[in-house]
Amino acid sequence: MTHESVERSIVVPCIMARAFQIFTAELNRWWPRSHSRSGNPDITVTIEPWTGGRLYEQTPEGLEYEWGQVIAWDPPRHLAYHWYLGSSREQPSRVDVHFTDLGDSRTRVAVTHRGPELLGALWSRNSAIYDASWGVVLPAYGASCMTAEDV
């Protein structure tokens, strides 16, 4: 973690297109339920696969909590979104996820979460929380890649 960003990466045992698919289309399968806005363990987590699409959770009762908005959609290389959790729609942080083919059916997935230019002092208060959260989220994603049937 730097003052300006949280940076984390993981190498997963699948080709780049599959790594992107698991991160996006299969988000609900691996996202840690402890990391939600509602706190409900039975949420459904969705990312709409286009620029302008939403990231959100939906409770079994149908309540939706918007987490962010996709601002770059370039499968299977790059995904970026504004992140509202820990801030707001009016003052989001930004997450960039880059997928790099390493050969031998391995992909490096690099996450950069930044926000001082967007959040100001709020970034200083929240950056350690973002860093700790990525420390839970990326291993959950990696475990999902390890157990995917067609990796």
C-alpha atoms as a PDB file:
ATOM      1  CA  MET A   1       0.000   0.000   0.000  1.00  0.00           C
ATOM      2  CA  THR A   2       1.255   3.450  -0.879  1.00  0.00           C
ATOM      3  CA  HIS A   3      -0.103   6.748   0.317  1.00  0.00           C
ATOM      4  CA  GLU A   4      -1.938   7.152  -3.000  1.00  0.00           C
ATOM      5  CA  SER A   5      -3.170   3.615  -3.606  1.00  0.00           C
ATOM      6  CA  VAL A   6      -3.707   0.087  -2.385  1.00  0.00           C
ATOM      7  CA  GLU A   7      -2.017  -2.390  -4.715  1.00  0.00           C
ATOM      8  CA  ARG A   8      -2.477  -6.142  -4.522  1.00  0.00           C
ATOM      9  CA  SER A   9      -1.962  -8.971  -6.995  1.00  0.00           C
ATOM     10  CA  ILE A  10      -2.447 -12.694  -7.251  1.00  0.00           C
ATOM     11  CA  VAL A  11      -1.457 -15.335  -9.796  1.00  0.00           C
ATOM     12  CA  VAL A  12      -4.308 -17.702 -10.628  1.00  0.00           C
ATOM     13  CA  PRO A  13      -4.115 -21.076 -12.416  1.00  0.00           C
ATOM     14  CA  CYS A  14      -6.255 -20.331 -15.445  1.00  0.00           C
ATOM     15  CA  ILE A  15      -6.062 -18.596 -18.792  1.00  0.00           C
ATOM     16  CA  MET A  16      -6.665 -14.848 -18.886  1.00  0.00           C
ATOM     17  CA  ALA A  17     -10.188 -15.038 -20.367  1.00  0.00           C
ATOM     18  CA  ARG A  18     -11.285 -17.496 -17.692  1.00  0.00           C
ATOM     19  CA  ALA A  19      -9.686 -15.405 -14.919  1.00  0.00           C
ATOM     20  CA  PHE A  20     -11.654 -12.377 -16.149  1.00  0.00           C
ATOM     21  CA  GLN A  21     -14.868 -14.411 -16.346  1.00  0.00           C
ATOM     22  CA  ILE A  22     -14.498 -15.708 -12.788  1.00  0.00           C
ATOM     23  CA  PHE A  23     -13.768 -12.201 -11.478  1.00  0.00           C
ATOM     24  CA  THR A  24     -16.799 -10.691 -13.218  1.00  0.00           C
ATOM     25  CA  ALA A  25     -19.529 -13.097 -14.366  1.00  0.00           C
ATOM     26  CA  GLU A  26     -18.965 -15.424 -11.398  1.00  0.00           C
ATOM     27  CA  LEU A  27     -18.514 -12.705  -8.775  1.00  0.00           C
ATOM     28  CA  ASN A  28     -21.464 -14.014  -6.779  1.00  0.00           C
ATOM     29  CA  ARG A  29     -19.829 -17.440  -6.445  1.00  0.00           C
ATOM     30  CA  TRP A  30     -16.692 -16.206  -4.689  1.00  0.00           C
ATOM     31  CA  TRP A  31     -17.317 -12.787  -3.134  1.00  0.00           C
ATOM     32  CA  PRO A  32     -16.872 -13.011   0.679  1.00  0.00           C
ATOM     33  CA  ARG A  33     -20.285 -12.518   2.255  1.00  0.00           C
ATOM     34  CA  SER A  34     -18.615 -10.790   5.192  1.00  0.00           C
ATOM     35  CA  HIS A  35     -17.895  -7.904   2.802  1.00  0.00           C
ATOM     36  CA  SER A  36     -21.330  -6.508   2.043  1.00  0.00           C
ATOM     37  CA  ARG A  37     -23.330  -3.452   2.869  1.00  0.00           C
ATOM     38  CA  SER A  38     -26.386  -5.249   4.239  1.00  0.00           C
ATOM     39  CA  GLY A  39     -24.492  -7.789   6.317  1.00  0.00           C
ATOM     40  CA  ASN A  40     -26.907 -10.450   5.035  1.00  0.00           C
ATOM     41  CA  PRO A  41     -25.031 -13.697   4.262  1.00  0.00           C
ATOM     42  CA  ASP A  42     -27.604 -14.656   1.598  1.00  0.00           C
ATOM     43  CA  ILE A  43     -26.977 -11.742  -0.774  1.00  0.00           C
ATOM     44  CA  THR A  44     -26.504 -12.037  -4.512  1.00  0.00           C
ATOM     45  CA  VAL A  45     -23.562 -10.015  -5.842  1.00  0.00           C
ATOM     46  CA  THR A  46     -23.649  -8.801  -9.443  1.00  0.00           C
ATOM     47  CA  ILE A  47     -21.512  -6.827 -11.834  1.00  0.00           C
ATOM     48  CA  GLU A  48     -23.233  -5.689 -15.004  1.00  0.00           C
ATOM     49  CA  PRO A  49     -20.810  -6.456 -17.878  1.00  0.00           C
ATOM     50  CA  TRP A  50     -20.564  -3.108 -19.673  1.00  0.00           C
ATOM     51  CA  THR A  51     -19.255   0.405 -19.176  1.00  0.00           C
ATOM     52  CA  GLY A  52     -21.885   2.136 -17.073  1.00  0.00           C
ATOM     53  CA  GLY A  53     -22.980  -1.161 -15.500  1.00  0.00           C
ATOM     54  CA  ARG A  54     -23.546  -1.433 -11.770  1.00  0.00           C
ATOM     55  CA  LEU A  55     -21.862  -3.463  -9.053  1.00  0.00           C
ATOM     56  CA  TYR A  56     -24.449  -4.240  -6.432  1.00  0.00           C
ATOM     57  CA  GLU A  57     -25.761  -6.662  -3.870  1.00  0.00           C
ATOM     58  CA  GLN A  58     -29.341  -7.831  -3.611  1.00  0.00           C
ATOM     59  CA  THR A  59     -30.843  -9.309  -0.461  1.00  0.00           C
ATOM     60  CA  PRO A  60     -33.320 -12.201  -0.559  1.00  0.00           C
ATOM     61  CA  GLU A  61     -36.025  -9.616   0.170  1.00  0.00           C
ATOM     62  CA  GLY A  62     -35.113  -7.762  -3.030  1.00  0.00           C
ATOM     63  CA  LEU A  63     -33.336  -4.784  -1.457  1.00  0.00           C
ATOM     64  CA  GLU A  64     -30.461  -3.558  -3.610  1.00  0.00           C
ATOM     65  CA  TYR A  65     -27.341  -1.798  -2.407  1.00  0.00           C
ATOM     66  CA  GLU A  66     -25.233  -0.251  -5.129  1.00  0.00           C
ATOM     67  CA  TRP A  67     -21.496  -0.693  -4.598  1.00  0.00           C
ATOM     68  CA  GLY A  68     -20.156   1.008  -7.703  1.00  0.00           C
ATOM     69  CA  GLN A  69     -20.255   1.634 -11.428  1.00  0.00           C
ATOM     70  CA  VAL A  70     -18.151   0.115 -14.202  1.00  0.00           C
ATOM     71  CA  ILE A  71     -16.069   2.809 -15.908  1.00  0.00           C
ATOM     72  CA  ALA A  72     -13.897   0.565 -18.137  1.00  0.00           C
ATOM     73  CA  TRP A  73     -14.820  -2.819 -19.594  1.00  0.00           C
ATOM     74  CA  ASP A  74     -12.116  -4.390 -21.778  1.00  0.00           C
ATOM     75  CA  PRO A  75     -12.344  -8.186 -21.465  1.00  0.00           C
ATOM     76  CA  PRO A  76     -10.193 -10.061 -20.793  1.00  0.00           C
ATOM     77  CA  ARG A  77      -7.517  -7.456 -20.031  1.00  0.00           C
ATOM     78  CA  HIS A  78      -8.967  -4.715 -17.856  1.00  0.00           C
ATOM     79  CA  LEU A  79     -11.890  -3.762 -15.686  1.00  0.00           C
ATOM     80  CA  ALA A  80     -12.253  -0.504 -13.767  1.00  0.00           C
ATOM     81  CA  TYR A  81     -15.019   0.789 -11.582  1.00  0.00           C
ATOM     82  CA  HIS A  82     -15.905   3.570  -9.220  1.00  0.00           C
ATOM     83  CA  TRP A  83     -16.366   2.152  -5.709  1.00  0.00           C
ATOM     84  CA  TYR A  84     -18.936   3.722  -3.403  1.00  0.00           C
ATOM     85  CA  LEU A  85     -18.479   1.625  -0.256  1.00  0.00           C
ATOM     86  CA  GLY A  86     -16.519   3.597   2.292  1.00  0.00           C
ATOM     87  CA  SER A  87     -17.425   6.807   0.469  1.00  0.00           C
ATOM     88  CA  SER A  88     -20.376   7.668  -1.785  1.00  0.00           C
ATOM     89  CA  ARG A  89     -21.583   7.879  -5.363  1.00  0.00           C
ATOM     90  CA  GLU A  90     -20.705  11.579  -5.294  1.00  0.00           C
ATOM     91  CA  GLN A  91     -17.193  10.900  -4.037  1.00  0.00           C
ATOM     92  CA  PRO A  92     -16.108   7.398  -5.145  1.00  0.00           C
ATOM     93  CA  SER A  93     -12.754   5.701  -5.014  1.00  0.00           C
ATOM     94  CA  ARG A  94     -11.485   3.904  -8.139  1.00  0.00           C
ATOM     95  CA  VAL A  95     -10.545   0.267  -8.619  1.00  0.00           C
ATOM     96  CA  ASP A  96      -8.564  -0.959 -11.641  1.00  0.00           C
ATOM     97  CA  VAL A  97      -8.148  -4.684 -12.234  1.00  0.00           C
ATOM     98  CA  HIS A  98      -5.594  -5.767 -14.863  1.00  0.00           C
ATOM     99  CA  PHE A  99      -5.246  -9.328 -16.137  1.00  0.00           C
ATOM    100  CA  THR A 100      -1.879 -10.407 -17.607  1.00  0.00           C
ATOM    101  CA  ASP A 101      -1.262 -13.716 -19.370  1.00  0.00           C
ATOM    102  CA  LEU A 102       1.779 -15.429 -17.837  1.00  0.00           C
ATOM    103  CA  GLY A 103       1.627 -18.494 -20.084  1.00  0.00           C
ATOM    104  CA  ASP A 104       1.171 -22.076 -18.901  1.00  0.00           C
ATOM    105  CA  SER A 105      -2.494 -21.343 -18.093  1.00  0.00           C
ATOM    106  CA  ARG A 106      -1.571 -18.776 -15.434  1.00  0.00           C
ATOM    107  CA  THR A 107      -2.791 -15.197 -15.129  1.00  0.00           C
ATOM    108  CA  ARG A 108      -1.603 -12.365 -12.936  1.00  0.00           C
ATOM    109  CA  VAL A 109      -4.501 -10.308 -11.595  1.00  0.00           C
ATOM    110  CA  ALA A 110      -3.394  -6.910 -10.303  1.00  0.00           C
ATOM    111  CA  VAL A 111      -5.721  -4.623  -8.356  1.00  0.00           C
ATOM    112  CA  THR A 112      -5.044  -0.929  -7.831  1.00  0.00           C
ATOM    113  CA  HIS A 113      -7.501   0.845  -5.548  1.00  0.00           C
ATOM    114  CA  ARG A 114      -6.944   4.559  -5.350  1.00  0.00           C
ATOM    115  CA  GLY A 115      -8.714   7.621  -4.232  1.00  0.00           C
ATOM    116  CA  PRO A 116      -6.845  10.518  -2.628  1.00  0.00           C
ATOM    117  CA  GLU A 117      -7.513  12.657  -5.699  1.00  0.00           C
ATOM    118  CA  LEU A 118     -11.191  11.648  -5.460  1.00  0.00           C
ATOM    119  CA  LEU A 119     -11.760  11.355  -1.721  1.00  0.00           C
ATOM    120  CA  GLY A 120      -9.310  13.762  -0.148  1.00  0.00           C
ATOM    121  CA  ALA A 121      -9.025  13.230   3.623  1.00  0.00           C
ATOM    122  CA  LEU A 122     -11.533  10.368   3.487  1.00  0.00           C
ATOM    123  CA  TRP A 123      -8.901   8.303   1.642  1.00  0.00           C
ATOM    124  CA  SER A 124      -6.505   8.635   4.586  1.00  0.00           C
ATOM    125  CA  ARG A 125      -9.167   7.339   6.959  1.00  0.00           C
ATOM    126  CA  ASN A 126     -10.273   4.446   4.702  1.00  0.00           C
ATOM    127  CA  SER A 127      -7.166   3.255   2.847  1.00  0.00           C
ATOM    128  CA  ALA A 128      -6.149   0.790   5.573  1.00  0.00           C
ATOM    129  CA  ILE A 129      -9.672  -0.669   5.498  1.00  0.00           C
ATOM    130  CA  TYR A 130      -9.485  -1.019   1.700  1.00  0.00           C
ATOM    131  CA  ASP A 131      -6.085  -2.698   2.026  1.00  0.00           C
ATOM    132  CA  ALA A 132      -7.360  -5.164   4.636  1.00  0.00           C
ATOM    133  CA  SER A 133     -10.457  -5.880   2.549  1.00  0.00           C
ATOM    134  CA  TRP A 134      -8.427  -6.728  -0.561  1.00  0.00           C
ATOM    135  CA  GLY A 135      -6.434  -9.051   1.699  1.00  0.00           C
ATOM    136  CA  VAL A 136      -9.660 -11.059   2.138  1.00  0.00           C
ATOM    137  CA  VAL A 137     -11.269 -10.556  -1.276  1.00  0.00           C
ATOM    138  CA  LEU A 138      -8.328 -11.549  -3.512  1.00  0.00           C
ATOM    139  CA  PRO A 139      -7.613 -14.845  -1.709  1.00  0.00           C
ATOM    140  CA  ALA A 140     -11.331 -15.727  -1.988  1.00  0.00           C
ATOM    141  CA  TYR A 141     -11.124 -15.026  -5.723  1.00  0.00           C
ATOM    142  CA  GLY A 142      -7.935 -17.088  -6.002  1.00  0.00           C
ATOM    143  CA  ALA A 143      -9.553 -20.016  -4.199  1.00  0.00           C
ATOM    144  CA  SER A 144     -12.469 -19.836  -6.610  1.00  0.00           C
ATOM    145  CA  CYS A 145     -10.060 -19.989  -9.544  1.00  0.00           C
ATOM    146  CA  MET A 146      -8.422 -23.072  -7.996  1.00  0.00           C
ATOM    147  CA  THR A 147     -11.744 -24.887  -7.748  1.00  0.00           C
ATOM    148  CA  ALA A 148     -13.256 -23.797 -11.072  1.00  0.00           C
ATOM    149  CA  GLU A 149     -14.137 -26.900 -13.046  1.00  0.00           C
ATOM    150  CA  ASP A 150     -12.669 -25.796 -16.348  1.00  0.00           C
ATOM    151  CA  VAL A 151      -9.399 -24.090 -15.385  1.00  0.00           C
END
